[in-house]
Amino acid sequence: MTKDQGLAAVDEIESLIEGFGSPDEQALRRLKSLVSSLRYSSRNDGYFREKLGSLEVWADIGFSTRKLAKYSGGARQVRTFALSECMMLRRLIREWPDRR
């Protein structure tokens, strides 16, 4: 995966995060698929993989009304946490070599 492809994957993940607040299995599956693609491209970067894992956790919460109920800020709070992970992923991807 190239830098541009990685950044495009993060863009799509961010658009899926906007749907947090109600169950959406299709969006959750797509988000996890994108995370899996990024994980495969991360080589052995443990910090990058940790951020991807956190993002998956936030997605599981964001697309579950039951899990969201545990957060006083609801979907907005969880969305903020997930977007923060995306921001860090984007910074890390920009440090990738030009060809992957």
PDB file of N, CA and C in Angstrom:
ATOM      1  N   MET A   1       0.850  -1.173   0.000  1.00  0.00           N
ATOM      2  CA  MET A   1       0.000   0.000   0.000  1.00  0.00           C
ATOM      3  C   MET A   1       0.897   1.238   0.000  1.00  0.00           C
ATOM      4  N   THR A   2       0.590   2.181  -0.867  1.00  0.00           N
ATOM      5  CA  THR A   2       1.349   3.426  -0.940  1.00  0.00           C
ATOM      6  C   THR A   2       0.829   4.414   0.105  1.00  0.00           C
ATOM      7  N   LYS A   3       1.570   5.501   0.266  1.00  0.00           N
ATOM      8  CA  LYS A   3       1.122   6.567   1.164  1.00  0.00           C
ATOM      9  C   LYS A   3      -0.264   7.057   0.760  1.00  0.00           C
ATOM     10  N   ASP A   4      -0.439   7.316  -0.537  1.00  0.00           N
ATOM     11  CA  ASP A   4      -1.719   7.845  -1.017  1.00  0.00           C
ATOM     12  C   ASP A   4      -2.867   6.871  -0.740  1.00  0.00           C
ATOM     13  N   GLN A   5      -2.613   5.589  -0.943  1.00  0.00           N
ATOM     14  CA  GLN A   5      -3.646   4.587  -0.662  1.00  0.00           C
ATOM     15  C   GLN A   5      -3.946   4.530   0.834  1.00  0.00           C
ATOM     16  N   GLY A   6      -2.911   4.618   1.662  1.00  0.00           N
ATOM     17  CA  GLY A   6      -3.107   4.619   3.102  1.00  0.00           C
ATOM     18  C   GLY A   6      -3.915   5.817   3.559  1.00  0.00           C
ATOM     19  N   LEU A   7      -3.580   6.987   3.023  1.00  0.00           N
ATOM     20  CA  LEU A   7      -4.314   8.198   3.384  1.00  0.00           C
ATOM     21  C   LEU A   7      -5.758   8.133   2.887  1.00  0.00           C
ATOM     22  N   ALA A   8      -5.963   7.543   1.718  1.00  0.00           N
ATOM     23  CA  ALA A   8      -7.331   7.382   1.201  1.00  0.00           C
ATOM     24  C   ALA A   8      -8.138   6.440   2.097  1.00  0.00           C
ATOM     25  N   ALA A   9      -7.489   5.399   2.613  1.00  0.00           N
ATOM     26  CA  ALA A   9      -8.170   4.472   3.529  1.00  0.00           C
ATOM     27  C   ALA A   9      -8.589   5.205   4.802  1.00  0.00           C
ATOM     28  N   VAL A  10      -7.709   6.057   5.325  1.00  0.00           N
ATOM     29  CA  VAL A  10      -8.047   6.824   6.526  1.00  0.00           C
ATOM     30  C   VAL A  10      -9.189   7.798   6.226  1.00  0.00           C
ATOM     31  N   ASP A  11      -9.184   8.403   5.042  1.00  0.00           N
ATOM     32  CA  ASP A  11     -10.294   9.287   4.650  1.00  0.00           C
ATOM     33  C   ASP A  11     -11.620   8.534   4.690  1.00  0.00           C
ATOM     34  N   GLU A  12     -11.622   7.324   4.135  1.00  0.00           N
ATOM     35  CA  GLU A  12     -12.854   6.535   4.116  1.00  0.00           C
ATOM     36  C   GLU A  12     -13.263   6.127   5.528  1.00  0.00           C
ATOM     37  N   ILE A  13     -12.302   5.764   6.354  1.00  0.00           N
ATOM     38  CA  ILE A  13     -12.599   5.417   7.747  1.00  0.00           C
ATOM     39  C   ILE A  13     -13.251   6.604   8.444  1.00  0.00           C
ATOM     40  N   GLU A  14     -12.709   7.798   8.233  1.00  0.00           N
ATOM     41  CA  GLU A  14     -13.277   8.992   8.857  1.00  0.00           C
ATOM     42  C   GLU A  14     -14.716   9.228   8.414  1.00  0.00           C
ATOM     43  N   SER A  15     -15.002   8.970   7.152  1.00  0.00           N
ATOM     44  CA  SER A  15     -16.387   9.149   6.687  1.00  0.00           C
ATOM     45  C   SER A  15     -17.311   8.113   7.322  1.00  0.00           C
ATOM     46  N   LEU A  16     -16.814   6.903   7.547  1.00  0.00           N
ATOM     47  CA  LEU A  16     -17.622   5.872   8.205  1.00  0.00           C
ATOM     48  C   LEU A  16     -17.868   6.225   9.670  1.00  0.00           C
ATOM     49  N   ILE A  17     -16.898   6.847  10.311  1.00  0.00           N
ATOM     50  CA  ILE A  17     -17.019   7.242  11.713  1.00  0.00           C
ATOM     51  C   ILE A  17     -18.170   8.228  11.900  1.00  0.00           C
ATOM     52  N   GLU A  18     -18.454   9.013  10.871  1.00  0.00           N
ATOM     53  CA  GLU A  18     -19.565   9.968  10.962  1.00  0.00           C
ATOM     54  C   GLU A  18     -20.895   9.264  11.227  1.00  0.00           C
ATOM     55  N   GLY A  19     -20.969   7.976  10.919  1.00  0.00           N
ATOM     56  CA  GLY A  19     -22.195   7.205  11.136  1.00  0.00           C
ATOM     57  C   GLY A  19     -22.354   6.658  12.540  1.00  0.00           C
ATOM     58  N   PHE A  20     -21.394   6.926  13.422  1.00  0.00           N
ATOM     59  CA  PHE A  20     -21.503   6.442  14.805  1.00  0.00           C
ATOM     60  C   PHE A  20     -22.815   6.936  15.419  1.00  0.00           C
ATOM     61  N   GLY A  21     -23.410   6.089  16.236  1.00  0.00           N
ATOM     62  CA  GLY A  21     -24.623   6.472  16.949  1.00  0.00           C
ATOM     63  C   GLY A  21     -25.753   5.492  16.770  1.00  0.00           C
ATOM     64  N   SER A  22     -25.650   4.681  15.751  1.00  0.00           N
ATOM     65  CA  SER A  22     -26.666   3.648  15.543  1.00  0.00           C
ATOM     66  C   SER A  22     -25.996   2.430  14.911  1.00  0.00           C
ATOM     67  N   PRO A  23     -26.584   1.266  15.109  1.00  0.00           N
ATOM     68  CA  PRO A  23     -25.987   0.049  14.544  1.00  0.00           C
ATOM     69  C   PRO A  23     -25.918   0.113  13.014  1.00  0.00           C
ATOM     70  N   ASP A  24     -24.791  -0.278  12.467  1.00  0.00           N
ATOM     71  CA  ASP A  24     -24.603  -0.342  11.018  1.00  0.00           C
ATOM     72  C   ASP A  24     -23.540  -1.407  10.747  1.00  0.00           C
ATOM     73  N   GLU A  25     -23.987  -2.630  10.606  1.00  0.00           N
ATOM     74  CA  GLU A  25     -23.058  -3.753  10.417  1.00  0.00           C
ATOM     75  C   GLU A  25     -22.233  -3.616   9.145  1.00  0.00           C
ATOM     76  N   GLN A  26     -22.842  -3.101   8.091  1.00  0.00           N
ATOM     77  CA  GLN A  26     -22.121  -2.953   6.829  1.00  0.00           C
ATOM     78  C   GLN A  26     -20.978  -1.945   6.989  1.00  0.00           C
ATOM     79  N   ALA A  27     -21.246  -0.823   7.627  1.00  0.00           N
ATOM     80  CA  ALA A  27     -20.197   0.184   7.843  1.00  0.00           C
ATOM     81  C   ALA A  27     -19.105  -0.367   8.758  1.00  0.00           C
ATOM     82  N   LEU A  28     -19.501  -1.103   9.793  1.00  0.00           N
ATOM     83  CA  LEU A  28     -18.522  -1.691  10.709  1.00  0.00           C
ATOM     84  C   LEU A  28     -17.625  -2.687   9.976  1.00  0.00           C
ATOM     85  N   ARG A  29     -18.218  -3.536   9.134  1.00  0.00           N
ATOM     86  CA  ARG A  29     -17.425  -4.492   8.360  1.00  0.00           C
ATOM     87  C   ARG A  29     -16.452  -3.772   7.414  1.00  0.00           C
ATOM     88  N   ARG A  30     -16.931  -2.727   6.764  1.00  0.00           N
ATOM     89  CA  ARG A  30     -16.064  -1.977   5.838  1.00  0.00           C
ATOM     90  C   ARG A  30     -14.916  -1.320   6.594  1.00  0.00           C
ATOM     91  N   LEU A  31     -15.217  -0.708   7.738  1.00  0.00           N
ATOM     92  CA  LEU A  31     -14.182  -0.076   8.543  1.00  0.00           C
ATOM     93  C   LEU A  31     -13.137  -1.103   8.967  1.00  0.00           C
ATOM     94  N   LYS A  32     -13.583  -2.252   9.420  1.00  0.00           N
ATOM     95  CA  LYS A  32     -12.644  -3.293   9.848  1.00  0.00           C
ATOM     96  C   LYS A  32     -11.824  -3.828   8.676  1.00  0.00           C
ATOM     97  N   SER A  33     -12.413  -3.870   7.503  1.00  0.00           N
ATOM     98  CA  SER A  33     -11.682  -4.289   6.310  1.00  0.00           C
ATOM     99  C   SER A  33     -10.575  -3.287   5.982  1.00  0.00           C
ATOM    100  N   LEU A  34     -10.884  -2.011   6.074  1.00  0.00           N
ATOM    101  CA  LEU A  34      -9.878  -0.984   5.828  1.00  0.00           C
ATOM    102  C   LEU A  34      -8.765  -1.047   6.872  1.00  0.00           C
ATOM    103  N   VAL A  35      -9.143  -1.267   8.131  1.00  0.00           N
ATOM    104  CA  VAL A  35      -8.153  -1.395   9.200  1.00  0.00           C
ATOM    105  C   VAL A  35      -7.245  -2.599   8.926  1.00  0.00           C
ATOM    106  N   SER A  36      -7.840  -3.680   8.482  1.00  0.00           N
ATOM    107  CA  SER A  36      -7.066  -4.880   8.176  1.00  0.00           C
ATOM    108  C   SER A  36      -6.056  -4.605   7.046  1.00  0.00           C
ATOM    109  N   SER A  37      -6.488  -3.889   6.034  1.00  0.00           N
ATOM    110  CA  SER A  37      -5.582  -3.538   4.932  1.00  0.00           C
ATOM    111  C   SER A  37      -4.432  -2.675   5.428  1.00  0.00           C
ATOM    112  N   LEU A  38      -4.746  -1.720   6.281  1.00  0.00           N
ATOM    113  CA  LEU A  38      -3.698  -0.863   6.841  1.00  0.00           C
ATOM    114  C   LEU A  38      -2.758  -1.659   7.738  1.00  0.00           C
ATOM    115  N   ARG A  39      -3.333  -2.574   8.507  1.00  0.00           N
ATOM    116  CA  ARG A  39      -2.502  -3.395   9.410  1.00  0.00           C
ATOM    117  C   ARG A  39      -1.503  -4.214   8.597  1.00  0.00           C
ATOM    118  N   TYR A  40      -1.963  -4.773   7.503  1.00  0.00           N
ATOM    119  CA  TYR A  40      -1.091  -5.571   6.640  1.00  0.00           C
ATOM    120  C   TYR A  40       0.048  -4.711   6.078  1.00  0.00           C
ATOM    121  N   SER A  41      -0.244  -3.446   5.814  1.00  0.00           N
ATOM    122  CA  SER A  41       0.748  -2.548   5.234  1.00  0.00           C
ATOM    123  C   SER A  41       1.693  -1.928   6.246  1.00  0.00           C
ATOM    124  N   SER A  42       1.412  -2.127   7.518  1.00  0.00           N
ATOM    125  CA  SER A  42       2.189  -1.434   8.549  1.00  0.00           C
ATOM    126  C   SER A  42       3.528  -2.084   8.849  1.00  0.00           C
ATOM    127  N   ARG A  43       3.812  -3.202   8.193  1.00  0.00           N
ATOM    128  CA  ARG A  43       5.025  -3.971   8.468  1.00  0.00           C
ATOM    129  C   ARG A  43       5.028  -4.366   9.938  1.00  0.00           C
ATOM    130  N   ASN A  44       6.051  -4.004  10.660  1.00  0.00           N
ATOM    131  CA  ASN A  44       6.119  -4.391  12.076  1.00  0.00           C
ATOM    132  C   ASN A  44       6.082  -3.177  12.995  1.00  0.00           C
ATOM    133  N   ASP A  45       5.362  -2.155  12.604  1.00  0.00           N
ATOM    134  CA  ASP A  45       5.262  -0.946  13.411  1.00  0.00           C
ATOM    135  C   ASP A  45       4.216  -1.155  14.504  1.00  0.00           C
ATOM    136  N   GLY A  46       4.692  -1.455  15.699  1.00  0.00           N
ATOM    137  CA  GLY A  46       3.800  -1.763  16.813  1.00  0.00           C
ATOM    138  C   GLY A  46       2.890  -0.622  17.204  1.00  0.00           C
ATOM    139  N   TYR A  47       3.400   0.605  17.178  1.00  0.00           N
ATOM    140  CA  TYR A  47       2.576   1.756  17.560  1.00  0.00           C
ATOM    141  C   TYR A  47       1.439   1.959  16.558  1.00  0.00           C
ATOM    142  N   PHE A  48       1.754   1.826  15.267  1.00  0.00           N
ATOM    143  CA  PHE A  48       0.745   1.950  14.221  1.00  0.00           C
ATOM    144  C   PHE A  48      -0.344   0.889  14.418  1.00  0.00           C
ATOM    145  N   ARG A  49       0.067  -0.329  14.685  1.00  0.00           N
ATOM    146  CA  ARG A  49      -0.884  -1.420  14.910  1.00  0.00           C
ATOM    147  C   ARG A  49      -1.727  -1.177  16.163  1.00  0.00           C
ATOM    148  N   GLU A  50      -1.118  -0.590  17.181  1.00  0.00           N
ATOM    149  CA  GLU A  50      -1.858  -0.254  18.403  1.00  0.00           C
ATOM    150  C   GLU A  50      -2.963   0.761  18.101  1.00  0.00           C
ATOM    151  N   LYS A  51      -2.662   1.754  17.293  1.00  0.00           N
ATOM    152  CA  LYS A  51      -3.655   2.767  16.912  1.00  0.00           C
ATOM    153  C   LYS A  51      -4.784   2.131  16.101  1.00  0.00           C
ATOM    154  N   LEU A  52      -4.424   1.197  15.228  1.00  0.00           N
ATOM    155  CA  LEU A  52      -5.453   0.496  14.454  1.00  0.00           C
ATOM    156  C   LEU A  52      -6.360  -0.321  15.372  1.00  0.00           C
ATOM    157  N   GLY A  53      -5.768  -0.981  16.366  1.00  0.00           N
ATOM    158  CA  GLY A  53      -6.560  -1.750  17.329  1.00  0.00           C
ATOM    159  C   GLY A  53      -7.504  -0.868  18.112  1.00  0.00           C
ATOM    160  N   SER A  54      -7.022   0.287  18.537  1.00  0.00           N
ATOM    161  CA  SER A  54      -7.879   1.230  19.260  1.00  0.00           C
ATOM    162  C   SER A  54      -9.027   1.696  18.382  1.00  0.00           C
ATOM    163  N   LEU A  55      -8.723   1.950  17.128  1.00  0.00           N
ATOM    164  CA  LEU A  55      -9.759   2.393  16.197  1.00  0.00           C
ATOM    165  C   LEU A  55     -10.853   1.338  16.048  1.00  0.00           C
ATOM    166  N   GLU A  56     -10.472   0.069  15.993  1.00  0.00           N
ATOM    167  CA  GLU A  56     -11.463  -1.002  15.908  1.00  0.00           C
ATOM    168  C   GLU A  56     -12.348  -1.039  17.150  1.00  0.00           C
ATOM    169  N   VAL A  57     -11.760  -0.831  18.309  1.00  0.00           N
ATOM    170  CA  VAL A  57     -12.530  -0.807  19.557  1.00  0.00           C
ATOM    171  C   VAL A  57     -13.535   0.341  19.520  1.00  0.00           C
ATOM    172  N   TRP A  58     -13.081   1.533  19.112  1.00  0.00           N
ATOM    173  CA  TRP A  58     -13.999   2.673  19.045  1.00  0.00           C
ATOM    174  C   TRP A  58     -15.104   2.420  18.034  1.00  0.00           C
ATOM    175  N   ALA A  59     -14.796   1.750  16.943  1.00  0.00           N
ATOM    176  CA  ALA A  59     -15.828   1.433  15.952  1.00  0.00           C
ATOM    177  C   ALA A  59     -16.856   0.465  16.529  1.00  0.00           C
ATOM    178  N   ASP A  60     -16.400  -0.536  17.260  1.00  0.00           N
ATOM    179  CA  ASP A  60     -17.337  -1.467  17.894  1.00  0.00           C
ATOM    180  C   ASP A  60     -18.279  -0.721  18.832  1.00  0.00           C
ATOM    181  N   ILE A  61     -17.750   0.249  19.546  1.00  0.00           N
ATOM    182  CA  ILE A  61     -18.572   1.032  20.474  1.00  0.00           C
ATOM    183  C   ILE A  61     -19.480   1.978  19.697  1.00  0.00           C
ATOM    184  N   GLY A  62     -18.921   2.663  18.710  1.00  0.00           N
ATOM    185  CA  GLY A  62     -19.664   3.678  17.964  1.00  0.00           C
ATOM    186  C   GLY A  62     -20.863   3.145  17.209  1.00  0.00           C
ATOM    187  N   PHE A  63     -20.789   1.907  16.781  1.00  0.00           N
ATOM    188  CA  PHE A  63     -21.899   1.316  16.033  1.00  0.00           C
ATOM    189  C   PHE A  63     -22.787   0.431  16.914  1.00  0.00           C
ATOM    190  N   SER A  64     -22.693   0.598  18.238  1.00  0.00           N
ATOM    191  CA  SER A  64     -23.509  -0.172  19.172  1.00  0.00           C
ATOM    192  C   SER A  64     -24.219   0.782  20.140  1.00  0.00           C
ATOM    193  N   THR A  65     -25.523   0.823  20.076  1.00  0.00           N
ATOM    194  CA  THR A  65     -26.261   1.713  20.989  1.00  0.00           C
ATOM    195  C   THR A  65     -26.069   1.287  22.441  1.00  0.00           C
ATOM    196  N   ARG A  66     -25.960  -0.007  22.673  1.00  0.00           N
ATOM    197  CA  ARG A  66     -25.758  -0.499  24.044  1.00  0.00           C
ATOM    198  C   ARG A  66     -24.410  -0.051  24.588  1.00  0.00           C
ATOM    199  N   LYS A  67     -23.358  -0.211  23.810  1.00  0.00           N
ATOM    200  CA  LYS A  67     -22.020   0.186  24.265  1.00  0.00           C
ATOM    201  C   LYS A  67     -21.892   1.704  24.367  1.00  0.00           C
ATOM    202  N   LEU A  68     -22.540   2.427  23.470  1.00  0.00           N
ATOM    203  CA  LEU A  68     -22.490   3.887  23.513  1.00  0.00           C
ATOM    204  C   LEU A  68     -23.127   4.440  24.782  1.00  0.00           C
ATOM    205  N   ALA A  69     -24.100   3.731  25.306  1.00  0.00           N
ATOM    206  CA  ALA A  69     -24.814   4.202  26.501  1.00  0.00           C
ATOM    207  C   ALA A  69     -23.880   4.368  27.697  1.00  0.00           C
ATOM    208  N   LYS A  70     -22.727   3.728  27.672  1.00  0.00           N
ATOM    209  CA  LYS A  70     -21.767   3.826  28.774  1.00  0.00           C
ATOM    210  C   LYS A  70     -20.961   5.123  28.737  1.00  0.00           C
ATOM    211  N   TYR A  71     -21.074   5.885  27.676  1.00  0.00           N
ATOM    212  CA  TYR A  71     -20.321   7.123  27.512  1.00  0.00           C
ATOM    213  C   TYR A  71     -21.261   8.313  27.636  1.00  0.00           C
ATOM    214  N   SER A  72     -20.979   9.193  28.589  1.00  0.00           N
ATOM    215  CA  SER A  72     -21.871  10.327  28.837  1.00  0.00           C
ATOM    216  C   SER A  72     -21.967  11.252  27.625  1.00  0.00           C
ATOM    217  N   GLY A  73     -20.908  11.327  26.839  1.00  0.00           N
ATOM    218  CA  GLY A  73     -20.921  12.169  25.640  1.00  0.00           C
ATOM    219  C   GLY A  73     -21.498  11.473  24.427  1.00  0.00           C
ATOM    220  N   GLY A  74     -21.870  10.209  24.581  1.00  0.00           N
ATOM    221  CA  GLY A  74     -22.494   9.450  23.502  1.00  0.00           C
ATOM    222  C   GLY A  74     -21.632   9.342  22.257  1.00  0.00           C
ATOM    223  N   ALA A  75     -22.317   9.322  21.113  1.00  0.00           N
ATOM    224  CA  ALA A  75     -21.636   9.121  19.837  1.00  0.00           C
ATOM    225  C   ALA A  75     -20.625  10.227  19.551  1.00  0.00           C
ATOM    226  N   ARG A  76     -20.932  11.438  19.964  1.00  0.00           N
ATOM    227  CA  ARG A  76     -20.016  12.555  19.709  1.00  0.00           C
ATOM    228  C   ARG A  76     -18.675  12.332  20.407  1.00  0.00           C
ATOM    229  N   GLN A  77     -18.722  11.881  21.651  1.00  0.00           N
ATOM    230  CA  GLN A  77     -17.498  11.630  22.413  1.00  0.00           C
ATOM    231  C   GLN A  77     -16.682  10.498  21.782  1.00  0.00           C
ATOM    232  N   VAL A  78     -17.349   9.409  21.458  1.00  0.00           N
ATOM    233  CA  VAL A  78     -16.668   8.255  20.863  1.00  0.00           C
ATOM    234  C   VAL A  78     -16.129   8.614  19.477  1.00  0.00           C
ATOM    235  N   ARG A  79     -16.896   9.395  18.724  1.00  0.00           N
ATOM    236  CA  ARG A  79     -16.445   9.847  17.402  1.00  0.00           C
ATOM    237  C   ARG A  79     -15.149  10.666  17.546  1.00  0.00           C
ATOM    238  N   THR A  80     -15.100  11.521  18.560  1.00  0.00           N
ATOM    239  CA  THR A  80     -13.904  12.332  18.806  1.00  0.00           C
ATOM    240  C   THR A  80     -12.696  11.450  19.092  1.00  0.00           C
ATOM    241  N   PHE A  81     -12.883  10.426  19.911  1.00  0.00           N
ATOM    242  CA  PHE A  81     -11.780   9.505  20.214  1.00  0.00           C
ATOM    243  C   PHE A  81     -11.305   8.790  18.950  1.00  0.00           C
ATOM    244  N   ALA A  82     -12.242   8.311  18.148  1.00  0.00           N
ATOM    245  CA  ALA A  82     -11.891   7.580  16.925  1.00  0.00           C
ATOM    246  C   ALA A  82     -11.190   8.495  15.925  1.00  0.00           C
ATOM    247  N   LEU A  83     -11.675   9.722  15.785  1.00  0.00           N
ATOM    248  CA  LEU A  83     -11.045  10.661  14.853  1.00  0.00           C
ATOM    249  C   LEU A  83      -9.647  11.045  15.316  1.00  0.00           C
ATOM    250  N   SER A  84      -9.432  11.047  16.610  1.00  0.00           N
ATOM    251  CA  SER A  84      -8.102  11.306  17.150  1.00  0.00           C
ATOM    252  C   SER A  84      -7.132  10.202  16.721  1.00  0.00           C
ATOM    253  N   GLU A  85      -7.604   8.968  16.757  1.00  0.00           N
ATOM    254  CA  GLU A  85      -6.776   7.843  16.282  1.00  0.00           C
ATOM    255  C   GLU A  85      -6.473   8.001  14.796  1.00  0.00           C
ATOM    256  N   CYS A  86      -7.466   8.430  14.027  1.00  0.00           N
ATOM    257  CA  CYS A  86      -7.262   8.637  12.590  1.00  0.00           C
ATOM    258  C   CYS A  86      -6.226   9.723  12.332  1.00  0.00           C
ATOM    259  N   MET A  87      -6.265  10.772  13.139  1.00  0.00           N
ATOM    260  CA  MET A  87      -5.301  11.853  12.980  1.00  0.00           C
ATOM    261  C   MET A  87      -3.874  11.330  13.186  1.00  0.00           C
ATOM    262  N   MET A  88      -3.701  10.493  14.192  1.00  0.00           N
ATOM    263  CA  MET A  88      -2.375   9.923  14.443  1.00  0.00           C
ATOM    264  C   MET A  88      -1.977   8.964  13.319  1.00  0.00           C
ATOM    265  N   LEU A  89      -2.905   8.150  12.856  1.00  0.00           N
ATOM    266  CA  LEU A  89      -2.607   7.239  11.742  1.00  0.00           C
ATOM    267  C   LEU A  89      -2.154   8.020  10.519  1.00  0.00           C
ATOM    268  N   ARG A  90      -2.835   9.121  10.257  1.00  0.00           N
ATOM    269  CA  ARG A  90      -2.491   9.950   9.106  1.00  0.00           C
ATOM    270  C   ARG A  90      -1.050  10.482   9.246  1.00  0.00           C
ATOM    271  N   ARG A  91      -0.695  10.936  10.427  1.00  0.00           N
ATOM    272  CA  ARG A  91       0.673  11.424  10.662  1.00  0.00           C
ATOM    273  C   ARG A  91       1.694  10.315  10.443  1.00  0.00           C
ATOM    274  N   LEU A  92       1.393   9.125  10.936  1.00  0.00           N
ATOM    275  CA  LEU A  92       2.317   7.999  10.779  1.00  0.00           C
ATOM    276  C   LEU A  92       2.445   7.568   9.320  1.00  0.00           C
ATOM    277  N   ILE A  93       1.336   7.574   8.603  1.00  0.00           N
ATOM    278  CA  ILE A  93       1.363   7.182   7.187  1.00  0.00           C
ATOM    279  C   ILE A  93       2.209   8.168   6.384  1.00  0.00           C
ATOM    280  N   ARG A  94       2.134   9.432   6.715  1.00  0.00           N
ATOM    281  CA  ARG A  94       2.936  10.432   5.992  1.00  0.00           C
ATOM    282  C   ARG A  94       4.429  10.185   6.149  1.00  0.00           C
ATOM    283  N   GLU A  95       4.812   9.426   7.173  1.00  0.00           N
ATOM    284  CA  GLU A  95       6.228   9.102   7.382  1.00  0.00           C
ATOM    285  C   GLU A  95       6.659   7.841   6.627  1.00  0.00           C
ATOM    286  N   TRP A  96       5.713   7.146   5.999  1.00  0.00           N
ATOM    287  CA  TRP A  96       6.068   5.960   5.233  1.00  0.00           C
ATOM    288  C   TRP A  96       7.014   6.343   4.092  1.00  0.00           C
ATOM    289  N   PRO A  97       7.859   5.392   3.687  1.00  0.00           N
ATOM    290  CA  PRO A  97       8.655   5.629   2.469  1.00  0.00           C
ATOM    291  C   PRO A  97       7.703   5.801   1.282  1.00  0.00           C
ATOM    292  N   ASP A  98       8.183   6.418   0.229  1.00  0.00           N
ATOM    293  CA  ASP A  98       7.315   6.704  -0.914  1.00  0.00           C
ATOM    294  C   ASP A  98       6.710   5.462  -1.549  1.00  0.00           C
ATOM    295  N   ARG A  99       7.404   4.351  -1.548  1.00  0.00           N
ATOM    296  CA  ARG A  99       6.868   3.109  -2.132  1.00  0.00           C
ATOM    297  C   ARG A  99       6.752   2.056  -1.052  1.00  0.00           C
ATOM    298  N   ARG A 100       5.612   1.371  -0.999  1.00  0.00           N
ATOM    299  CA  ARG A 100       5.413   0.272  -0.043  1.00  0.00           C
ATOM    300  C   ARG A 100       5.011  -0.942  -0.791  1.00  0.00           C
TER     301      ARG A 100
END
